[in-house]
């Protein structure tokens, strides 16, 4: 008889959001027409969460308590966010997502199908909005209060249904007004990022040249969905945000190499590199020579 395999038997079951079911103390769902509301809470840290990015949904997550942190991984870098009470995130579930969740948690998760966005925005009279802009750990006390009220409804099934319909309509208006974004508003696919937004991105990257900014942060800075931002950025610059940041780091490196006597290790740190080997490799790729040789030639 074939072995069932203890590793397979012990693998924890997860929901569609990647949450371990055995760590959920509260697991409720409210179906409300164009939106679905999910309450997820637990005293134990949820641990790692990953979704493959194959869902045609928007997901809005609202933290209903303090003390939750999550490290979000993107490419080869990661950023930790502190989700306080009434902190919200908005993400496109067609993008892959990976995060390490720490601390107890109490979240309400709102699912909205992209095919229903227009109906929600029409009901809210949100003009030409037809997308949701991304957000990470954004304070939104009004949405938090409405979601708490939604899950605390009491009374008969009929009165509850009317209450849910009323709250869902109010939540839809709030989402449309706060997070709605029109592609025609300088975010249309095939349109380059405007100069003012490009400068905003440059200023942000320069202020964090030694840190690791994420694409989601830059997209939120420009009030654009991630995929729209990346396309608009490439049209405007001919490169990716990471490529642009590397060019900025190399420009700073050349300034420091020519105008200072800093050791190579210190130049690397000042330009946002984890170690001098990584810096030398990036500099040689950019200029064709090692930084020591570049400095020697320039100063000779």
C-alpha atoms as a PDB file:
ATOM      1  CA  UNK A   1       0.000   0.000   0.000  1.00  0.00           C
ATOM      2  CA  UNK A   2       1.354   3.429  -0.913  1.00  0.00           C
ATOM      3  CA  UNK A   3       2.277   5.710   1.967  1.00  0.00           C
ATOM      4  CA  UNK A   4       0.049   8.709   2.458  1.00  0.00           C
ATOM      5  CA  UNK A   5       3.002  10.842   3.522  1.00  0.00           C
ATOM      6  CA  UNK A   6       2.983  12.620   6.888  1.00  0.00           C
ATOM      7  CA  UNK A   7       4.128  15.878   5.286  1.00  0.00           C
ATOM      8  CA  UNK A   8       1.029  15.942   3.090  1.00  0.00           C
ATOM      9  CA  UNK A   9      -1.249  15.022   5.968  1.00  0.00           C
ATOM     10  CA  UNK A  10       0.121  17.782   8.204  1.00  0.00           C
ATOM     11  CA  UNK A  11       0.044  20.563   5.614  1.00  0.00           C
ATOM     12  CA  UNK A  12      -2.300  23.245   7.025  1.00  0.00           C
ATOM     13  CA  UNK A  13      -5.473  24.041   5.134  1.00  0.00           C
ATOM     14  CA  UNK A  14      -5.793  27.615   3.877  1.00  0.00           C
ATOM     15  CA  UNK A  15      -8.590  29.805   2.612  1.00  0.00           C
ATOM     16  CA  UNK A  16      -8.604  31.677  -0.713  1.00  0.00           C
ATOM     17  CA  UNK A  17      -6.651  34.549   0.882  1.00  0.00           C
ATOM     18  CA  UNK A  18      -3.836  32.245   1.995  1.00  0.00           C
ATOM     19  CA  UNK A  19      -4.822  32.321   5.701  1.00  0.00           C
ATOM     20  CA  UNK A  20      -4.361  29.152   7.765  1.00  0.00           C
ATOM     21  CA  UNK A  21      -7.796  27.931   8.803  1.00  0.00           C
ATOM     22  CA  UNK A  22      -6.463  26.423  12.044  1.00  0.00           C
ATOM     23  CA  UNK A  23      -5.406  29.893  13.238  1.00  0.00           C
ATOM     24  CA  UNK A  24      -8.773  31.585  12.708  1.00  0.00           C
ATOM     25  CA  UNK A  25     -10.817  32.296  15.817  1.00  0.00           C
ATOM     26  CA  UNK A  26     -13.362  34.240  13.771  1.00  0.00           C
ATOM     27  CA  UNK A  27     -14.247  33.195  10.233  1.00  0.00           C
ATOM     28  CA  UNK A  28     -17.467  34.786   8.993  1.00  0.00           C
ATOM     29  CA  UNK A  29     -18.715  35.822   5.582  1.00  0.00           C
ATOM     30  CA  UNK A  30     -21.476  38.157   4.441  1.00  0.00           C
ATOM     31  CA  UNK A  31     -22.625  38.031   0.817  1.00  0.00           C
ATOM     32  CA  UNK A  32     -23.977  41.429  -0.171  1.00  0.00           C
ATOM     33  CA  UNK A  33     -24.685  41.641  -3.878  1.00  0.00           C
ATOM     34  CA  UNK A  34     -21.716  43.281  -5.584  1.00  0.00           C
ATOM     35  CA  UNK A  35     -19.427  42.836  -2.558  1.00  0.00           C
ATOM     36  CA  UNK A  36     -18.495  40.030  -0.197  1.00  0.00           C
ATOM     37  CA  UNK A  37     -17.290  40.728   3.353  1.00  0.00           C
ATOM     38  CA  UNK A  38     -15.061  38.299   5.254  1.00  0.00           C
ATOM     39  CA  UNK A  39     -14.140  38.595   8.941  1.00  0.00           C
ATOM     40  CA  UNK A  40     -10.822  36.939   9.782  1.00  0.00           C
ATOM     41  CA  UNK A  41      -9.411  37.109  13.316  1.00  0.00           C
ATOM     42  CA  UNK A  42      -7.012  35.100  15.432  1.00  0.00           C
ATOM     43  CA  UNK A  43      -4.801  35.371  18.501  1.00  0.00           C
ATOM     44  CA  UNK A  44      -1.930  33.499  16.849  1.00  0.00           C
ATOM     45  CA  UNK A  45       0.294  35.024  14.193  1.00  0.00           C
ATOM     46  CA  UNK A  46      -0.964  33.885  10.772  1.00  0.00           C
ATOM     47  CA  UNK A  47       2.566  33.351   9.451  1.00  0.00           C
ATOM     48  CA  UNK A  48       3.378  33.371   5.732  1.00  0.00           C
ATOM     49  CA  UNK A  49       0.663  34.106   3.178  1.00  0.00           C
ATOM     50  CA  UNK A  50       0.968  33.759  -0.586  1.00  0.00           C
ATOM     51  CA  UNK A  51      -1.537  34.025  -3.425  1.00  0.00           C
ATOM     52  CA  UNK A  52      -0.610  33.285  -7.054  1.00  0.00           C
ATOM     53  CA  UNK A  53      -2.190  36.313  -8.726  1.00  0.00           C
ATOM     54  CA  UNK A  54      -4.807  34.555 -10.814  1.00  0.00           C
ATOM     55  CA  UNK A  55      -7.979  36.120  -9.456  1.00  0.00           C
ATOM     56  CA  UNK A  56      -9.962  38.845 -11.199  1.00  0.00           C
ATOM     57  CA  UNK A  57     -10.792  40.595  -7.942  1.00  0.00           C
ATOM     58  CA  UNK A  58      -9.912  43.622  -5.896  1.00  0.00           C
ATOM     59  CA  UNK A  59      -9.286  42.921  -2.218  1.00  0.00           C
ATOM     60  CA  UNK A  60      -9.680  45.593   0.448  1.00  0.00           C
ATOM     61  CA  UNK A  61      -8.402  44.637   3.893  1.00  0.00           C
ATOM     62  CA  UNK A  62      -9.237  46.624   7.031  1.00  0.00           C
ATOM     63  CA  UNK A  63      -7.411  46.031  10.322  1.00  0.00           C
ATOM     64  CA  UNK A  64      -9.824  46.348  13.237  1.00  0.00           C
ATOM     65  CA  UNK A  65      -7.167  46.292  15.979  1.00  0.00           C
ATOM     66  CA  UNK A  66      -3.613  47.413  16.727  1.00  0.00           C
ATOM     67  CA  UNK A  67      -0.598  45.156  16.932  1.00  0.00           C
ATOM     68  CA  UNK A  68      -0.473  43.588  13.483  1.00  0.00           C
ATOM     69  CA  UNK A  69       2.607  43.809  11.261  1.00  0.00           C
ATOM     70  CA  UNK A  70       3.302  42.313   7.873  1.00  0.00           C
ATOM     71  CA  UNK A  71       6.402  42.134   5.727  1.00  0.00           C
ATOM     72  CA  UNK A  72       5.461  42.286   2.055  1.00  0.00           C
ATOM     73  CA  UNK A  73       7.854  40.679  -0.407  1.00  0.00           C
ATOM     74  CA  UNK A  74       8.326  42.033  -3.909  1.00  0.00           C
ATOM     75  CA  UNK A  75      10.991  40.674  -6.240  1.00  0.00           C
ATOM     76  CA  UNK A  76      14.238  40.526  -4.222  1.00  0.00           C
ATOM     77  CA  UNK A  77      13.221  43.084  -1.578  1.00  0.00           C
ATOM     78  CA  UNK A  78      10.735  43.369   1.256  1.00  0.00           C
ATOM     79  CA  UNK A  79       9.127  46.114   3.362  1.00  0.00           C
ATOM     80  CA  UNK A  80       7.484  45.820   6.780  1.00  0.00           C
ATOM     81  CA  UNK A  81       4.251  47.703   7.483  1.00  0.00           C
ATOM     82  CA  UNK A  82       2.563  48.384  10.810  1.00  0.00           C
ATOM     83  CA  UNK A  83      -1.197  47.874  10.516  1.00  0.00           C
ATOM     84  CA  UNK A  84      -2.820  49.816  13.307  1.00  0.00           C
ATOM     85  CA  UNK A  85      -6.521  49.887  14.000  1.00  0.00           C
ATOM     86  CA  UNK A  86      -8.407  51.288  10.989  1.00  0.00           C
ATOM     87  CA  UNK A  87      -5.459  50.749   8.611  1.00  0.00           C
ATOM     88  CA  UNK A  88      -6.496  49.599   5.162  1.00  0.00           C
ATOM     89  CA  UNK A  89      -4.854  48.019   2.161  1.00  0.00           C
ATOM     90  CA  UNK A  90      -6.184  47.819  -1.376  1.00  0.00           C
ATOM     91  CA  UNK A  91      -4.676  45.361  -3.821  1.00  0.00           C
ATOM     92  CA  UNK A  92      -5.340  43.834  -7.190  1.00  0.00           C
ATOM     93  CA  UNK A  93      -5.527  40.055  -6.760  1.00  0.00           C
ATOM     94  CA  UNK A  94      -4.404  39.484 -10.332  1.00  0.00           C
ATOM     95  CA  UNK A  95      -0.921  40.382  -9.037  1.00  0.00           C
ATOM     96  CA  UNK A  96       1.049  37.737  -7.101  1.00  0.00           C
ATOM     97  CA  UNK A  97       1.297  38.472  -3.386  1.00  0.00           C
ATOM     98  CA  UNK A  98       3.610  37.179  -0.681  1.00  0.00           C
ATOM     99  CA  UNK A  99       3.828  38.399   2.905  1.00  0.00           C
ATOM    100  CA  UNK A 100       4.853  37.332   6.385  1.00  0.00           C
ATOM    101  CA  UNK A 101       2.112  38.218   8.898  1.00  0.00           C
ATOM    102  CA  UNK A 102       3.037  38.769  12.543  1.00  0.00           C
ATOM    103  CA  UNK A 103       1.036  39.442  15.677  1.00  0.00           C
ATOM    104  CA  UNK A 104      -2.609  38.806  16.447  1.00  0.00           C
ATOM    105  CA  UNK A 105      -5.013  39.987  13.793  1.00  0.00           C
ATOM    106  CA  UNK A 106      -8.609  41.059  13.231  1.00  0.00           C
ATOM    107  CA  UNK A 107      -9.322  41.967   9.622  1.00  0.00           C
ATOM    108  CA  UNK A 108     -12.370  42.457   7.464  1.00  0.00           C
ATOM    109  CA  UNK A 109     -11.660  41.595   3.839  1.00  0.00           C
ATOM    110  CA  UNK A 110     -13.853  43.003   1.076  1.00  0.00           C
ATOM    111  CA  UNK A 111     -13.936  41.175  -2.257  1.00  0.00           C
ATOM    112  CA  UNK A 112     -15.034  43.105  -5.339  1.00  0.00           C
ATOM    113  CA  UNK A 113     -15.049  41.517  -8.780  1.00  0.00           C
ATOM    114  CA  UNK A 114     -13.573  43.776 -11.446  1.00  0.00           C
ATOM    115  CA  UNK A 115     -16.659  43.128 -13.551  1.00  0.00           C
ATOM    116  CA  UNK A 116     -18.749  44.767 -10.796  1.00  0.00           C
ATOM    117  CA  UNK A 117     -16.629  47.885 -10.342  1.00  0.00           C
ATOM    118  CA  UNK A 118     -18.558  49.942 -12.893  1.00  0.00           C
ATOM    119  CA  UNK A 119     -21.889  49.140 -11.205  1.00  0.00           C
ATOM    120  CA  UNK A 120     -20.534  50.125  -7.790  1.00  0.00           C
ATOM    121  CA  UNK A 121     -19.125  53.384  -9.146  1.00  0.00           C
ATOM    122  CA  UNK A 122     -22.336  54.133 -11.048  1.00  0.00           C
ATOM    123  CA  UNK A 123     -24.322  53.649  -7.850  1.00  0.00           C
ATOM    124  CA  UNK A 124     -21.973  56.026  -6.078  1.00  0.00           C
ATOM    125  CA  UNK A 125     -22.124  58.526  -8.965  1.00  0.00           C
ATOM    126  CA  UNK A 126     -18.323  58.418  -9.042  1.00  0.00           C
ATOM    127  CA  UNK A 127     -18.026  59.849 -12.534  1.00  0.00           C
ATOM    128  CA  UNK A 128     -15.525  58.108 -14.782  1.00  0.00           C
ATOM    129  CA  UNK A 129     -13.786  56.111 -12.049  1.00  0.00           C
ATOM    130  CA  UNK A 130     -13.296  52.515 -13.175  1.00  0.00           C
ATOM    131  CA  UNK A 131     -10.359  51.194 -11.126  1.00  0.00           C
ATOM    132  CA  UNK A 132      -9.238  51.055  -7.520  1.00  0.00           C
ATOM    133  CA  UNK A 133      -5.939  52.674  -6.646  1.00  0.00           C
ATOM    134  CA  UNK A 134      -3.582  50.632  -4.441  1.00  0.00           C
ATOM    135  CA  UNK A 135      -3.015  51.455  -0.771  1.00  0.00           C
ATOM    136  CA  UNK A 136      -0.918  49.951   2.017  1.00  0.00           C
ATOM    137  CA  UNK A 137      -1.568  50.639   5.737  1.00  0.00           C
ATOM    138  CA  UNK A 138      -3.586  53.758   4.894  1.00  0.00           C
ATOM    139  CA  UNK A 139      -5.649  55.191   7.799  1.00  0.00           C
ATOM    140  CA  UNK A 140      -9.399  55.070   7.121  1.00  0.00           C
ATOM    141  CA  UNK A 141     -11.413  55.373  10.328  1.00  0.00           C
ATOM    142  CA  UNK A 142     -14.748  55.839   8.524  1.00  0.00           C
ATOM    143  CA  UNK A 143     -14.472  52.569   6.621  1.00  0.00           C
ATOM    144  CA  UNK A 144     -13.367  50.830   9.820  1.00  0.00           C
ATOM    145  CA  UNK A 145     -16.432  52.079  11.711  1.00  0.00           C
ATOM    146  CA  UNK A 146     -18.792  50.970   8.949  1.00  0.00           C
ATOM    147  CA  UNK A 147     -17.271  47.468   8.834  1.00  0.00           C
ATOM    148  CA  UNK A 148     -17.510  47.075  12.611  1.00  0.00           C
ATOM    149  CA  UNK A 149     -21.170  48.068  12.389  1.00  0.00           C
ATOM    150  CA  UNK A 150     -21.778  45.662   9.514  1.00  0.00           C
ATOM    151  CA  UNK A 151     -20.592  42.649  11.499  1.00  0.00           C
ATOM    152  CA  UNK A 152     -22.410  43.645  14.687  1.00  0.00           C
ATOM    153  CA  UNK A 153     -25.890  43.797  13.163  1.00  0.00           C
ATOM    154  CA  UNK A 154     -28.684  42.329  15.317  1.00  0.00           C
ATOM    155  CA  UNK A 155     -32.391  41.693  14.886  1.00  0.00           C
ATOM    156  CA  UNK A 156     -34.550  39.607  12.550  1.00  0.00           C
ATOM    157  CA  UNK A 157     -33.291  38.166   9.281  1.00  0.00           C
ATOM    158  CA  UNK A 158     -35.365  40.707   7.348  1.00  0.00           C
ATOM    159  CA  UNK A 159     -34.157  43.728   9.320  1.00  0.00           C
ATOM    160  CA  UNK A 160     -30.602  42.430   9.114  1.00  0.00           C
ATOM    161  CA  UNK A 161     -30.895  42.135   5.330  1.00  0.00           C
ATOM    162  CA  UNK A 162     -32.094  45.718   5.064  1.00  0.00           C
ATOM    163  CA  UNK A 163     -29.285  46.847   7.357  1.00  0.00           C
ATOM    164  CA  UNK A 164     -26.686  44.950   5.305  1.00  0.00           C
ATOM    165  CA  UNK A 165     -28.013  46.464   2.083  1.00  0.00           C
ATOM    166  CA  UNK A 166     -27.891  49.937   3.622  1.00  0.00           C
ATOM    167  CA  UNK A 167     -24.329  49.502   4.929  1.00  0.00           C
ATOM    168  CA  UNK A 168     -23.128  47.960   1.679  1.00  0.00           C
ATOM    169  CA  UNK A 169     -24.422  50.943  -0.290  1.00  0.00           C
ATOM    170  CA  UNK A 170     -22.680  53.364   2.084  1.00  0.00           C
ATOM    171  CA  UNK A 171     -19.451  51.365   1.926  1.00  0.00           C
ATOM    172  CA  UNK A 172     -19.632  51.320  -1.879  1.00  0.00           C
ATOM    173  CA  UNK A 173     -19.951  55.119  -2.001  1.00  0.00           C
ATOM    174  CA  UNK A 174     -17.011  55.517   0.373  1.00  0.00           C
ATOM    175  CA  UNK A 175     -14.792  53.125  -1.589  1.00  0.00           C
ATOM    176  CA  UNK A 176     -15.645  54.832  -4.878  1.00  0.00           C
ATOM    177  CA  UNK A 177     -14.974  58.324  -3.520  1.00  0.00           C
ATOM    178  CA  UNK A 178     -11.793  57.397  -1.616  1.00  0.00           C
ATOM    179  CA  UNK A 179     -10.118  54.778  -3.781  1.00  0.00           C
ATOM    180  CA  UNK A 180     -11.761  55.168  -7.192  1.00  0.00           C
ATOM    181  CA  UNK A 181      -9.427  56.085 -10.031  1.00  0.00           C
ATOM    182  CA  UNK A 182     -10.163  56.796 -13.678  1.00  0.00           C
ATOM    183  CA  UNK A 183      -7.766  55.484 -16.291  1.00  0.00           C
ATOM    184  CA  UNK A 184      -8.557  58.566 -18.353  1.00  0.00           C
ATOM    185  CA  UNK A 185      -7.078  60.732 -15.593  1.00  0.00           C
ATOM    186  CA  UNK A 186      -3.492  60.519 -16.885  1.00  0.00           C
ATOM    187  CA  UNK A 187      -3.480  56.795 -16.139  1.00  0.00           C
ATOM    188  CA  UNK A 188      -4.795  55.326 -19.358  1.00  0.00           C
ATOM    189  CA  UNK A 189      -2.972  52.303 -20.637  1.00  0.00           C
ATOM    190  CA  UNK A 190      -0.626  53.325 -23.414  1.00  0.00           C
ATOM    191  CA  UNK A 191      -0.077  56.787 -21.905  1.00  0.00           C
ATOM    192  CA  UNK A 192       3.270  57.875 -20.459  1.00  0.00           C
ATOM    193  CA  UNK A 193       3.574  58.996 -16.857  1.00  0.00           C
ATOM    194  CA  UNK A 194       3.177  62.812 -16.743  1.00  0.00           C
ATOM    195  CA  UNK A 195       6.221  64.896 -15.804  1.00  0.00           C
ATOM    196  CA  UNK A 196       4.790  66.005 -12.461  1.00  0.00           C
ATOM    197  CA  UNK A 197       4.209  62.404 -11.365  1.00  0.00           C
ATOM    198  CA  UNK A 198       7.601  61.394 -12.724  1.00  0.00           C
ATOM    199  CA  UNK A 199       9.206  64.092 -10.579  1.00  0.00           C
ATOM    200  CA  UNK A 200       7.211  62.894  -7.580  1.00  0.00           C
ATOM    201  CA  UNK A 201       8.580  59.389  -8.072  1.00  0.00           C
ATOM    202  CA  UNK A 202      12.134  60.728  -8.514  1.00  0.00           C
ATOM    203  CA  UNK A 203      11.919  62.791  -5.320  1.00  0.00           C
ATOM    204  CA  UNK A 204      10.601  59.790  -3.398  1.00  0.00           C
ATOM    205  CA  UNK A 205      13.328  57.474  -4.683  1.00  0.00           C
ATOM    206  CA  UNK A 206      16.044  60.043  -3.968  1.00  0.00           C
ATOM    207  CA  UNK A 207      14.770  60.443  -0.404  1.00  0.00           C
ATOM    208  CA  UNK A 208      14.998  56.665   0.052  1.00  0.00           C
ATOM    209  CA  UNK A 209      18.022  55.891  -2.067  1.00  0.00           C
ATOM    210  CA  UNK A 210      19.542  53.769   0.703  1.00  0.00           C
ATOM    211  CA  UNK A 211      16.248  51.957   1.358  1.00  0.00           C
ATOM    212  CA  UNK A 212      14.084  49.662  -0.730  1.00  0.00           C
ATOM    213  CA  UNK A 213      10.979  51.328  -2.150  1.00  0.00           C
ATOM    214  CA  UNK A 214       8.407  48.952  -3.628  1.00  0.00           C
ATOM    215  CA  UNK A 215       6.387  49.214  -6.827  1.00  0.00           C
ATOM    216  CA  UNK A 216       3.194  49.256  -4.749  1.00  0.00           C
ATOM    217  CA  UNK A 217       4.447  52.314  -2.838  1.00  0.00           C
ATOM    218  CA  UNK A 218       5.287  54.149  -6.065  1.00  0.00           C
ATOM    219  CA  UNK A 219       1.951  53.231  -7.643  1.00  0.00           C
ATOM    220  CA  UNK A 220       0.118  54.502  -4.562  1.00  0.00           C
ATOM    221  CA  UNK A 221       2.193  57.690  -4.701  1.00  0.00           C
ATOM    222  CA  UNK A 222       0.814  58.300  -8.201  1.00  0.00           C
ATOM    223  CA  UNK A 223      -2.704  57.089  -7.288  1.00  0.00           C
ATOM    224  CA  UNK A 224      -2.548  54.373  -9.947  1.00  0.00           C
ATOM    225  CA  UNK A 225      -3.089  50.644 -10.064  1.00  0.00           C
ATOM    226  CA  UNK A 226       0.210  48.787 -10.075  1.00  0.00           C
ATOM    227  CA  UNK A 227       0.013  47.471 -13.645  1.00  0.00           C
ATOM    228  CA  UNK A 228      -1.033  50.857 -15.059  1.00  0.00           C
ATOM    229  CA  UNK A 229       1.791  52.606 -13.222  1.00  0.00           C
ATOM    230  CA  UNK A 230       4.430  50.180 -14.501  1.00  0.00           C
ATOM    231  CA  UNK A 231       3.277  50.584 -18.096  1.00  0.00           C
ATOM    232  CA  UNK A 232       3.117  54.388 -17.838  1.00  0.00           C
ATOM    233  CA  UNK A 233       6.512  54.541 -16.129  1.00  0.00           C
ATOM    234  CA  UNK A 234       8.213  52.451 -18.813  1.00  0.00           C
ATOM    235  CA  UNK A 235       6.717  54.624 -21.557  1.00  0.00           C
ATOM    236  CA  UNK A 236       8.042  57.755 -19.839  1.00  0.00           C
ATOM    237  CA  UNK A 237      11.521  56.488 -18.943  1.00  0.00           C
ATOM    238  CA  UNK A 238      12.255  53.470 -21.118  1.00  0.00           C
ATOM    239  CA  UNK A 239      13.136  51.441 -18.024  1.00  0.00           C
ATOM    240  CA  UNK A 240      11.678  50.001 -14.819  1.00  0.00           C
ATOM    241  CA  UNK A 241      11.545  51.715 -11.414  1.00  0.00           C
ATOM    242  CA  UNK A 242      14.331  49.403 -10.229  1.00  0.00           C
ATOM    243  CA  UNK A 243      16.428  50.311 -13.276  1.00  0.00           C
ATOM    244  CA  UNK A 244      15.820  54.000 -12.623  1.00  0.00           C
ATOM    245  CA  UNK A 245      16.810  53.622  -8.970  1.00  0.00           C
ATOM    246  CA  UNK A 246      20.005  51.813 -10.002  1.00  0.00           C
ATOM    247  CA  UNK A 247      20.896  54.682 -12.352  1.00  0.00           C
ATOM    248  CA  UNK A 248      20.351  57.169  -9.507  1.00  0.00           C
ATOM    249  CA  UNK A 249      22.536  55.106  -7.202  1.00  0.00           C
ATOM    250  CA  UNK A 250      25.268  54.951  -9.803  1.00  0.00           C
ATOM    251  CA  UNK A 251      25.127  58.730 -10.265  1.00  0.00           C
ATOM    252  CA  UNK A 252      25.589  59.184  -6.510  1.00  0.00           C
ATOM    253  CA  UNK A 253      28.409  56.657  -6.520  1.00  0.00           C
ATOM    254  CA  UNK A 254      30.280  58.563  -9.230  1.00  0.00           C
ATOM    255  CA  UNK A 255      29.904  61.803  -7.258  1.00  0.00           C
ATOM    256  CA  UNK A 256      31.240  60.209  -4.078  1.00  0.00           C
ATOM    257  CA  UNK A 257      34.097  58.442  -5.832  1.00  0.00           C
ATOM    258  CA  UNK A 258      35.248  61.653  -7.490  1.00  0.00           C
ATOM    259  CA  UNK A 259      34.632  64.159  -4.703  1.00  0.00           C
ATOM    260  CA  UNK A 260      35.498  62.213  -1.559  1.00  0.00           C
ATOM    261  CA  UNK A 261      38.034  59.827  -0.110  1.00  0.00           C
ATOM    262  CA  UNK A 262      35.417  57.475   1.312  1.00  0.00           C
ATOM    263  CA  UNK A 263      36.376  53.832   1.452  1.00  0.00           C
ATOM    264  CA  UNK A 264      34.664  51.618  -1.094  1.00  0.00           C
ATOM    265  CA  UNK A 265      32.586  49.951   1.633  1.00  0.00           C
ATOM    266  CA  UNK A 266      31.275  53.355   2.762  1.00  0.00           C
ATOM    267  CA  UNK A 267      30.425  54.397  -0.799  1.00  0.00           C
ATOM    268  CA  UNK A 268      28.476  51.173  -1.218  1.00  0.00           C
ATOM    269  CA  UNK A 269      26.435  51.788   1.938  1.00  0.00           C
ATOM    270  CA  UNK A 270      25.783  55.446   1.013  1.00  0.00           C
ATOM    271  CA  UNK A 271      24.381  54.290  -2.325  1.00  0.00           C
ATOM    272  CA  UNK A 272      22.036  51.678  -0.888  1.00  0.00           C
ATOM    273  CA  UNK A 273      24.000  48.479  -1.481  1.00  0.00           C
ATOM    274  CA  UNK A 274      24.121  45.734   1.134  1.00  0.00           C
ATOM    275  CA  UNK A 275      27.773  44.910   0.562  1.00  0.00           C
ATOM    276  CA  UNK A 276      30.738  46.107  -1.458  1.00  0.00           C
ATOM    277  CA  UNK A 277      30.734  43.062  -3.756  1.00  0.00           C
ATOM    278  CA  UNK A 278      27.206  43.829  -4.898  1.00  0.00           C
ATOM    279  CA  UNK A 279      28.186  47.477  -5.414  1.00  0.00           C
ATOM    280  CA  UNK A 280      31.286  46.605  -7.465  1.00  0.00           C
ATOM    281  CA  UNK A 281      29.276  44.266  -9.652  1.00  0.00           C
ATOM    282  CA  UNK A 282      26.535  46.862 -10.287  1.00  0.00           C
ATOM    283  CA  UNK A 283      29.072  49.631 -10.955  1.00  0.00           C
ATOM    284  CA  UNK A 284      31.027  47.485 -13.409  1.00  0.00           C
ATOM    285  CA  UNK A 285      27.819  46.552 -15.218  1.00  0.00           C
ATOM    286  CA  UNK A 286      26.868  50.228 -15.504  1.00  0.00           C
ATOM    287  CA  UNK A 287      30.260  51.711 -16.462  1.00  0.00           C
ATOM    288  CA  UNK A 288      32.306  48.794 -17.761  1.00  0.00           C
ATOM    289  CA  UNK A 289      35.024  49.161 -15.084  1.00  0.00           C
ATOM    290  CA  UNK A 290      35.355  48.537 -11.362  1.00  0.00           C
ATOM    291  CA  UNK A 291      34.808  51.591  -9.107  1.00  0.00           C
ATOM    292  CA  UNK A 292      38.439  51.568  -7.919  1.00  0.00           C
ATOM    293  CA  UNK A 293      39.673  51.855 -11.501  1.00  0.00           C
ATOM    294  CA  UNK A 294      37.075  54.521 -12.356  1.00  0.00           C
ATOM    295  CA  UNK A 295      38.184  56.618  -9.371  1.00  0.00           C
ATOM    296  CA  UNK A 296      41.894  56.212 -10.184  1.00  0.00           C
ATOM    297  CA  UNK A 297      41.395  57.335 -13.787  1.00  0.00           C
ATOM    298  CA  UNK A 298      39.245  60.320 -12.802  1.00  0.00           C
ATOM    299  CA  UNK A 299      41.684  61.534 -10.164  1.00  0.00           C
ATOM    300  CA  UNK A 300      44.845  60.998 -12.198  1.00  0.00           C
END
